[in-house]
Amino acid sequence: MSDFNPEEIETLYRIMASRRDMRHFLPDPVDPSTLSRLLQAAHMGPSVGFMQPWRFIRITSKPLRKKIHNLVEEERIETAKALEERQDEFMKLKVEGINECGELLVVALSDHREKHIFGRRTLPEMDLASVACAIQNMWLASRAEGLGLGWVSLFSPEKLAALLKMPDSSKPVAILCIGHVDTFYDKPMLEAENWASRIDLSELIFENSWQQR
């Protein structure tokens, strides 16, 4: 039996359904207490072997923010080249809000992760899966707080790590743009821009073995 009433359960599902990867932000600052709650939500995320591999770097320097934006722009151009026939279409998309958002965070995998073996002996990438869970917690909490969050992955991990003076065995995995928005997208932006569409769930569920379609 659930510990939550039907209204609370419905709210959770509604938050998940209305979560969006945001790219358009207002410049208004994020209240420090709200940011603290979002970080705490991330820190409550599940992690394999309770390793808690997430690390958060808050970017408060405007020159540093500009350098991070430049790194993303470099990768945006390289990604466009790799997309070949969709290059022009891709370049028309807004892929980040680094210069506009109220808060900018870099989320990284911790250093010395090799000492964590529980749950990772055959699947070492579970450290990354754990960080993704923490980010999803923050994403849902942001939506509940009325704030937008955008996950930016267009960057060279090596260049960003060097820029942030990170230890050799750590690794940046996400740039998070967080802030106030004028409105949330009615549907995922890439779906609205006809870049891709949501796959029907029935095509993704198999039983007992991988089914060819």
C-alpha atoms as a PDB file:
ATOM      1  CA  MET A   1       0.000   0.000   0.000  1.00  0.00           C
ATOM      2  CA  SER A   2       1.364   3.397  -0.964  1.00  0.00           C
ATOM      3  CA  ASP A   3       2.454   5.916   1.673  1.00  0.00           C
ATOM      4  CA  PHE A   4       1.179   8.684  -0.613  1.00  0.00           C
ATOM      5  CA  ASN A   5      -2.351   9.786  -1.380  1.00  0.00           C
ATOM      6  CA  PRO A   6      -3.719   9.745  -4.961  1.00  0.00           C
ATOM      7  CA  GLU A   7      -3.168  13.497  -5.385  1.00  0.00           C
ATOM      8  CA  GLU A   8       0.499  13.218  -4.418  1.00  0.00           C
ATOM      9  CA  ILE A   9       1.001  10.290  -6.771  1.00  0.00           C
ATOM     10  CA  GLU A  10      -0.667  12.159  -9.616  1.00  0.00           C
ATOM     11  CA  THR A  11       1.534  15.194  -8.959  1.00  0.00           C
ATOM     12  CA  LEU A  12       4.674  13.087  -9.300  1.00  0.00           C
ATOM     13  CA  TYR A  13       3.572  11.694 -12.648  1.00  0.00           C
ATOM     14  CA  ARG A  14       2.534  15.167 -13.803  1.00  0.00           C
ATOM     15  CA  ILE A  15       5.976  16.566 -12.942  1.00  0.00           C
ATOM     16  CA  MET A  16       7.652  13.761 -14.890  1.00  0.00           C
ATOM     17  CA  ALA A  17       5.394  14.343 -17.894  1.00  0.00           C
ATOM     18  CA  SER A  18       6.025  18.104 -17.898  1.00  0.00           C
ATOM     19  CA  ARG A  19       9.811  17.935 -17.405  1.00  0.00           C
ATOM     20  CA  ARG A  20      11.607  19.536 -20.329  1.00  0.00           C
ATOM     21  CA  ASP A  21      15.199  19.924 -21.478  1.00  0.00           C
ATOM     22  CA  MET A  22      15.183  23.729 -21.522  1.00  0.00           C
ATOM     23  CA  ARG A  23      17.268  25.976 -23.779  1.00  0.00           C
ATOM     24  CA  HIS A  24      15.583  29.359 -23.317  1.00  0.00           C
ATOM     25  CA  PHE A  25      16.079  31.170 -19.998  1.00  0.00           C
ATOM     26  CA  LEU A  26      15.414  34.494 -18.306  1.00  0.00           C
ATOM     27  CA  PRO A  27      18.425  36.201 -16.695  1.00  0.00           C
ATOM     28  CA  ASP A  28      16.791  36.405 -13.227  1.00  0.00           C
ATOM     29  CA  PRO A  29      18.945  34.921 -10.440  1.00  0.00           C
ATOM     30  CA  VAL A  30      18.005  31.661  -8.751  1.00  0.00           C
ATOM     31  CA  ASP A  31      17.291  31.960  -5.047  1.00  0.00           C
ATOM     32  CA  PRO A  32      20.210  30.408  -3.100  1.00  0.00           C
ATOM     33  CA  SER A  33      17.892  28.381  -0.883  1.00  0.00           C
ATOM     34  CA  THR A  34      16.201  26.923  -3.957  1.00  0.00           C
ATOM     35  CA  LEU A  35      19.551  26.001  -5.483  1.00  0.00           C
ATOM     36  CA  SER A  36      20.479  24.325  -2.210  1.00  0.00           C
ATOM     37  CA  ARG A  37      17.286  22.244  -2.335  1.00  0.00           C
ATOM     38  CA  LEU A  38      18.026  21.195  -5.910  1.00  0.00           C
ATOM     39  CA  LEU A  39      21.528  20.074  -4.993  1.00  0.00           C
ATOM     40  CA  GLN A  40      20.161  18.176  -2.005  1.00  0.00           C
ATOM     41  CA  ALA A  41      17.650  16.476  -4.307  1.00  0.00           C
ATOM     42  CA  ALA A  42      20.520  15.383  -6.539  1.00  0.00           C
ATOM     43  CA  HIS A  43      22.481  14.125  -3.538  1.00  0.00           C
ATOM     44  CA  MET A  44      19.505  11.950  -2.542  1.00  0.00           C
ATOM     45  CA  GLY A  45      19.806  10.078  -5.827  1.00  0.00           C
ATOM     46  CA  PRO A  46      20.491   6.336  -5.840  1.00  0.00           C
ATOM     47  CA  SER A  47      24.022   5.150  -6.541  1.00  0.00           C
ATOM     48  CA  VAL A  48      25.476   1.716  -7.153  1.00  0.00           C
ATOM     49  CA  GLY A  49      27.289   0.460  -4.050  1.00  0.00           C
ATOM     50  CA  PHE A  50      26.300   3.782  -2.422  1.00  0.00           C
ATOM     51  CA  MET A  51      29.423   5.242  -4.031  1.00  0.00           C
ATOM     52  CA  GLN A  52      27.867   8.704  -4.547  1.00  0.00           C
ATOM     53  CA  PRO A  53      30.164   9.510  -7.508  1.00  0.00           C
ATOM     54  CA  TRP A  54      28.654  12.920  -8.290  1.00  0.00           C
ATOM     55  CA  ARG A  55      30.553  16.171  -7.868  1.00  0.00           C
ATOM     56  CA  PHE A  56      29.110  19.618  -8.601  1.00  0.00           C
ATOM     57  CA  ILE A  57      31.070  22.686  -9.691  1.00  0.00           C
ATOM     58  CA  ARG A  58      29.100  25.914  -9.515  1.00  0.00           C
ATOM     59  CA  ILE A  59      30.270  28.403 -12.128  1.00  0.00           C
ATOM     60  CA  THR A  60      30.040  31.951 -10.751  1.00  0.00           C
ATOM     61  CA  SER A  61      32.796  33.586 -12.816  1.00  0.00           C
ATOM     62  CA  LYS A  62      31.474  35.321 -15.939  1.00  0.00           C
ATOM     63  CA  PRO A  63      34.779  34.948 -17.841  1.00  0.00           C
ATOM     64  CA  LEU A  64      34.786  31.226 -16.998  1.00  0.00           C
ATOM     65  CA  ARG A  65      31.186  30.898 -18.157  1.00  0.00           C
ATOM     66  CA  LYS A  66      32.216  32.481 -21.458  1.00  0.00           C
ATOM     67  CA  LYS A  67      35.086  30.000 -21.848  1.00  0.00           C
ATOM     68  CA  ILE A  68      32.711  27.103 -21.215  1.00  0.00           C
ATOM     69  CA  HIS A  69      30.339  28.507 -23.824  1.00  0.00           C
ATOM     70  CA  ASN A  70      33.215  28.661 -26.298  1.00  0.00           C
ATOM     71  CA  LEU A  71      34.009  24.980 -25.669  1.00  0.00           C
ATOM     72  CA  VAL A  72      30.397  24.065 -26.336  1.00  0.00           C
ATOM     73  CA  GLU A  73      30.364  26.121 -29.508  1.00  0.00           C
ATOM     74  CA  GLU A  74      33.484  24.302 -30.748  1.00  0.00           C
ATOM     75  CA  GLU A  75      31.798  20.942 -30.267  1.00  0.00           C
ATOM     76  CA  ARG A  76      28.525  22.179 -31.766  1.00  0.00           C
ATOM     77  CA  ILE A  77      30.366  22.913 -35.013  1.00  0.00           C
ATOM     78  CA  GLU A  78      32.133  19.537 -34.992  1.00  0.00           C
ATOM     79  CA  THR A  79      28.844  17.754 -34.294  1.00  0.00           C
ATOM     80  CA  ALA A  80      27.235  19.554 -37.220  1.00  0.00           C
ATOM     81  CA  LYS A  81      30.009  18.342 -39.512  1.00  0.00           C
ATOM     82  CA  ALA A  82      29.543  14.769 -38.302  1.00  0.00           C
ATOM     83  CA  LEU A  83      25.804  14.933 -39.036  1.00  0.00           C
ATOM     84  CA  GLU A  84      26.549  15.511 -42.731  1.00  0.00           C
ATOM     85  CA  GLU A  85      23.170  15.860 -44.504  1.00  0.00           C
ATOM     86  CA  ARG A  86      21.493  17.178 -41.329  1.00  0.00           C
ATOM     87  CA  GLN A  87      24.230  19.746 -40.675  1.00  0.00           C
ATOM     88  CA  ASP A  88      22.238  22.833 -41.653  1.00  0.00           C
ATOM     89  CA  GLU A  89      19.169  21.595 -39.799  1.00  0.00           C
ATOM     90  CA  PHE A  90      21.224  21.017 -36.663  1.00  0.00           C
ATOM     91  CA  MET A  91      22.879  24.445 -36.764  1.00  0.00           C
ATOM     92  CA  LYS A  92      19.448  26.084 -36.624  1.00  0.00           C
ATOM     93  CA  LEU A  93      18.685  24.424 -33.293  1.00  0.00           C
ATOM     94  CA  LYS A  94      19.301  26.188 -29.996  1.00  0.00           C
ATOM     95  CA  VAL A  95      21.314  23.626 -28.061  1.00  0.00           C
ATOM     96  CA  GLU A  96      22.167  25.491 -24.840  1.00  0.00           C
ATOM     97  CA  GLY A  97      21.396  28.507 -22.662  1.00  0.00           C
ATOM     98  CA  ILE A  98      24.782  28.944 -21.007  1.00  0.00           C
ATOM     99  CA  ASN A  99      24.971  32.719 -21.390  1.00  0.00           C
ATOM    100  CA  GLU A 100      21.372  33.329 -20.291  1.00  0.00           C
ATOM    101  CA  CYS A 101      20.626  30.963 -17.395  1.00  0.00           C
ATOM    102  CA  GLY A 102      20.687  32.099 -13.776  1.00  0.00           C
ATOM    103  CA  GLU A 103      22.889  29.236 -12.571  1.00  0.00           C
ATOM    104  CA  LEU A 104      25.474  27.121 -14.349  1.00  0.00           C
ATOM    105  CA  LEU A 105      26.721  23.833 -12.901  1.00  0.00           C
ATOM    106  CA  VAL A 106      29.188  21.278 -14.157  1.00  0.00           C
ATOM    107  CA  VAL A 107      28.447  17.771 -12.927  1.00  0.00           C
ATOM    108  CA  ALA A 108      31.381  15.385 -12.840  1.00  0.00           C
ATOM    109  CA  LEU A 109      32.325  11.862 -11.939  1.00  0.00           C
ATOM    110  CA  SER A 110      34.508  11.810  -8.828  1.00  0.00           C
ATOM    111  CA  ASP A 111      38.153  10.845  -8.882  1.00  0.00           C
ATOM    112  CA  HIS A 112      39.453   7.504  -7.506  1.00  0.00           C
ATOM    113  CA  ARG A 113      36.326   5.661  -8.633  1.00  0.00           C
ATOM    114  CA  GLU A 114      38.323   2.480  -9.207  1.00  0.00           C
ATOM    115  CA  LYS A 115      38.177   1.677  -5.480  1.00  0.00           C
ATOM    116  CA  HIS A 116      34.404   1.199  -5.755  1.00  0.00           C
ATOM    117  CA  ILE A 117      33.897  -2.389  -6.934  1.00  0.00           C
ATOM    118  CA  PHE A 118      30.464  -3.207  -5.460  1.00  0.00           C
ATOM    119  CA  GLY A 119      28.087  -3.363  -8.441  1.00  0.00           C
ATOM    120  CA  ARG A 120      30.774  -2.245 -10.893  1.00  0.00           C
ATOM    121  CA  ARG A 121      33.079  -5.237 -11.330  1.00  0.00           C
ATOM    122  CA  THR A 122      31.425  -6.206 -14.626  1.00  0.00           C
ATOM    123  CA  LEU A 123      29.610  -2.924 -15.267  1.00  0.00           C
ATOM    124  CA  PRO A 124      32.050  -0.108 -14.441  1.00  0.00           C
ATOM    125  CA  GLU A 125      29.798   2.380 -16.250  1.00  0.00           C
ATOM    126  CA  MET A 126      27.335   2.207 -13.361  1.00  0.00           C
ATOM    127  CA  ASP A 127      29.137   5.209 -11.877  1.00  0.00           C
ATOM    128  CA  LEU A 128      27.846   7.232 -14.829  1.00  0.00           C
ATOM    129  CA  ALA A 129      24.376   5.720 -14.420  1.00  0.00           C
ATOM    130  CA  SER A 130      24.401   6.853 -10.790  1.00  0.00           C
ATOM    131  CA  VAL A 131      25.306  10.423 -11.752  1.00  0.00           C
ATOM    132  CA  ALA A 132      22.490  10.395 -14.320  1.00  0.00           C
ATOM    133  CA  CYS A 133      20.044   9.430 -11.560  1.00  0.00           C
ATOM    134  CA  ALA A 134      21.246  12.369  -9.464  1.00  0.00           C
ATOM    135  CA  ILE A 135      20.736  14.730 -12.400  1.00  0.00           C
ATOM    136  CA  GLN A 136      17.241  13.352 -13.010  1.00  0.00           C
ATOM    137  CA  ASN A 137      16.384  14.045  -9.365  1.00  0.00           C
ATOM    138  CA  MET A 138      17.540  17.630  -9.824  1.00  0.00           C
ATOM    139  CA  TRP A 139      15.622  17.911 -13.091  1.00  0.00           C
ATOM    140  CA  LEU A 140      12.337  16.853 -11.504  1.00  0.00           C
ATOM    141  CA  ALA A 141      12.916  19.044  -8.463  1.00  0.00           C
ATOM    142  CA  SER A 142      13.658  22.012 -10.728  1.00  0.00           C
ATOM    143  CA  ARG A 143      10.403  21.478 -12.605  1.00  0.00           C
ATOM    144  CA  ALA A 144       8.500  21.263  -9.317  1.00  0.00           C
ATOM    145  CA  GLU A 145      10.122  24.556  -8.240  1.00  0.00           C
ATOM    146  CA  GLY A 146       9.087  26.188 -11.528  1.00  0.00           C
ATOM    147  CA  LEU A 147      12.662  26.380 -12.830  1.00  0.00           C
ATOM    148  CA  GLY A 148      14.004  25.168 -16.144  1.00  0.00           C
ATOM    149  CA  LEU A 149      16.997  22.868 -16.467  1.00  0.00           C
ATOM    150  CA  GLY A 150      18.933  22.029 -19.604  1.00  0.00           C
ATOM    151  CA  TRP A 151      21.543  19.260 -19.879  1.00  0.00           C
ATOM    152  CA  VAL A 152      24.377  20.206 -22.249  1.00  0.00           C
ATOM    153  CA  SER A 153      26.690  17.407 -23.426  1.00  0.00           C
ATOM    154  CA  LEU A 154      28.337  19.148 -26.368  1.00  0.00           C
ATOM    155  CA  PHE A 155      31.887  19.568 -25.074  1.00  0.00           C
ATOM    156  CA  SER A 156      35.268  17.900 -24.918  1.00  0.00           C
ATOM    157  CA  PRO A 157      35.566  16.284 -21.460  1.00  0.00           C
ATOM    158  CA  GLU A 158      39.349  16.683 -21.556  1.00  0.00           C
ATOM    159  CA  LYS A 159      39.222  20.395 -22.368  1.00  0.00           C
ATOM    160  CA  LEU A 160      36.535  21.132 -19.792  1.00  0.00           C
ATOM    161  CA  ALA A 161      38.384  19.152 -17.110  1.00  0.00           C
ATOM    162  CA  ALA A 162      41.542  21.142 -17.816  1.00  0.00           C
ATOM    163  CA  LEU A 163      39.640  24.423 -17.715  1.00  0.00           C
ATOM    164  CA  LEU A 164      38.184  23.545 -14.305  1.00  0.00           C
ATOM    165  CA  LYS A 165      41.468  22.137 -12.937  1.00  0.00           C
ATOM    166  CA  MET A 166      39.896  18.764 -12.216  1.00  0.00           C
ATOM    167  CA  PRO A 167      41.963  15.789 -10.993  1.00  0.00           C
ATOM    168  CA  ASP A 168      43.109  13.339 -13.657  1.00  0.00           C
ATOM    169  CA  SER A 169      40.793  10.483 -12.694  1.00  0.00           C
ATOM    170  CA  SER A 170      37.645  12.614 -12.561  1.00  0.00           C
ATOM    171  CA  LYS A 171      35.502  13.398 -15.601  1.00  0.00           C
ATOM    172  CA  PRO A 172      32.895  16.075 -16.422  1.00  0.00           C
ATOM    173  CA  VAL A 173      29.717  14.543 -17.819  1.00  0.00           C
ATOM    174  CA  ALA A 174      27.183  17.372 -17.893  1.00  0.00           C
ATOM    175  CA  ILE A 175      26.844  21.118 -18.053  1.00  0.00           C
ATOM    176  CA  LEU A 176      23.556  22.074 -16.423  1.00  0.00           C
ATOM    177  CA  CYS A 177      21.816  25.345 -17.234  1.00  0.00           C
ATOM    178  CA  ILE A 178      19.305  26.193 -14.488  1.00  0.00           C
ATOM    179  CA  GLY A 179      17.055  29.199 -14.279  1.00  0.00           C
ATOM    180  CA  HIS A 180      13.744  30.935 -14.639  1.00  0.00           C
ATOM    181  CA  VAL A 181      11.914  30.560 -17.936  1.00  0.00           C
ATOM    182  CA  ASP A 182       9.158  32.493 -19.645  1.00  0.00           C
ATOM    183  CA  THR A 183       7.306  29.272 -20.388  1.00  0.00           C
ATOM    184  CA  PHE A 184       7.955  25.546 -20.514  1.00  0.00           C
ATOM    185  CA  TYR A 185       7.817  23.853 -23.906  1.00  0.00           C
ATOM    186  CA  ASP A 186       4.521  22.087 -24.663  1.00  0.00           C
ATOM    187  CA  LYS A 187       6.515  19.112 -25.892  1.00  0.00           C
ATOM    188  CA  PRO A 188      10.225  18.245 -26.037  1.00  0.00           C
ATOM    189  CA  MET A 189      11.942  20.915 -28.112  1.00  0.00           C
ATOM    190  CA  LEU A 190      13.555  18.447 -30.507  1.00  0.00           C
ATOM    191  CA  GLU A 191      10.156  16.889 -31.110  1.00  0.00           C
ATOM    192  CA  ALA A 192       8.617  20.309 -31.708  1.00  0.00           C
ATOM    193  CA  GLU A 193      11.450  21.104 -34.147  1.00  0.00           C
ATOM    194  CA  ASN A 194      10.827  17.806 -35.981  1.00  0.00           C
ATOM    195  CA  TRP A 195      14.320  16.552 -35.175  1.00  0.00           C
ATOM    196  CA  ALA A 196      12.967  13.314 -33.711  1.00  0.00           C
ATOM    197  CA  SER A 197       9.743  11.888 -32.309  1.00  0.00           C
ATOM    198  CA  ARG A 198       8.981   9.796 -29.241  1.00  0.00           C
ATOM    199  CA  ILE A 199       9.068   6.067 -29.943  1.00  0.00           C
ATOM    200  CA  ASP A 200       5.894   4.167 -29.126  1.00  0.00           C
ATOM    201  CA  LEU A 201       6.472   2.378 -25.816  1.00  0.00           C
ATOM    202  CA  SER A 202       5.046  -0.872 -27.185  1.00  0.00           C
ATOM    203  CA  GLU A 203       8.030  -1.100 -29.544  1.00  0.00           C
ATOM    204  CA  LEU A 204      10.472  -1.000 -26.629  1.00  0.00           C
ATOM    205  CA  ILE A 205       9.044  -3.690 -24.350  1.00  0.00           C
ATOM    206  CA  PHE A 206      10.039  -7.334 -24.941  1.00  0.00           C
ATOM    207  CA  GLU A 207       9.202 -10.483 -23.000  1.00  0.00           C
ATOM    208  CA  ASN A 208      11.650 -13.238 -22.081  1.00  0.00           C
ATOM    209  CA  SER A 209      14.011 -12.485 -24.973  1.00  0.00           C
ATOM    210  CA  TRP A 210      15.010  -9.717 -27.359  1.00  0.00           C
ATOM    211  CA  GLN A 211      12.366  -9.644 -30.039  1.00  0.00           C
ATOM    212  CA  GLN A 212      13.223  -8.678 -33.593  1.00  0.00           C
ATOM    213  CA  ARG A 213      10.744  -6.424 -35.352  1.00  0.00           C
END
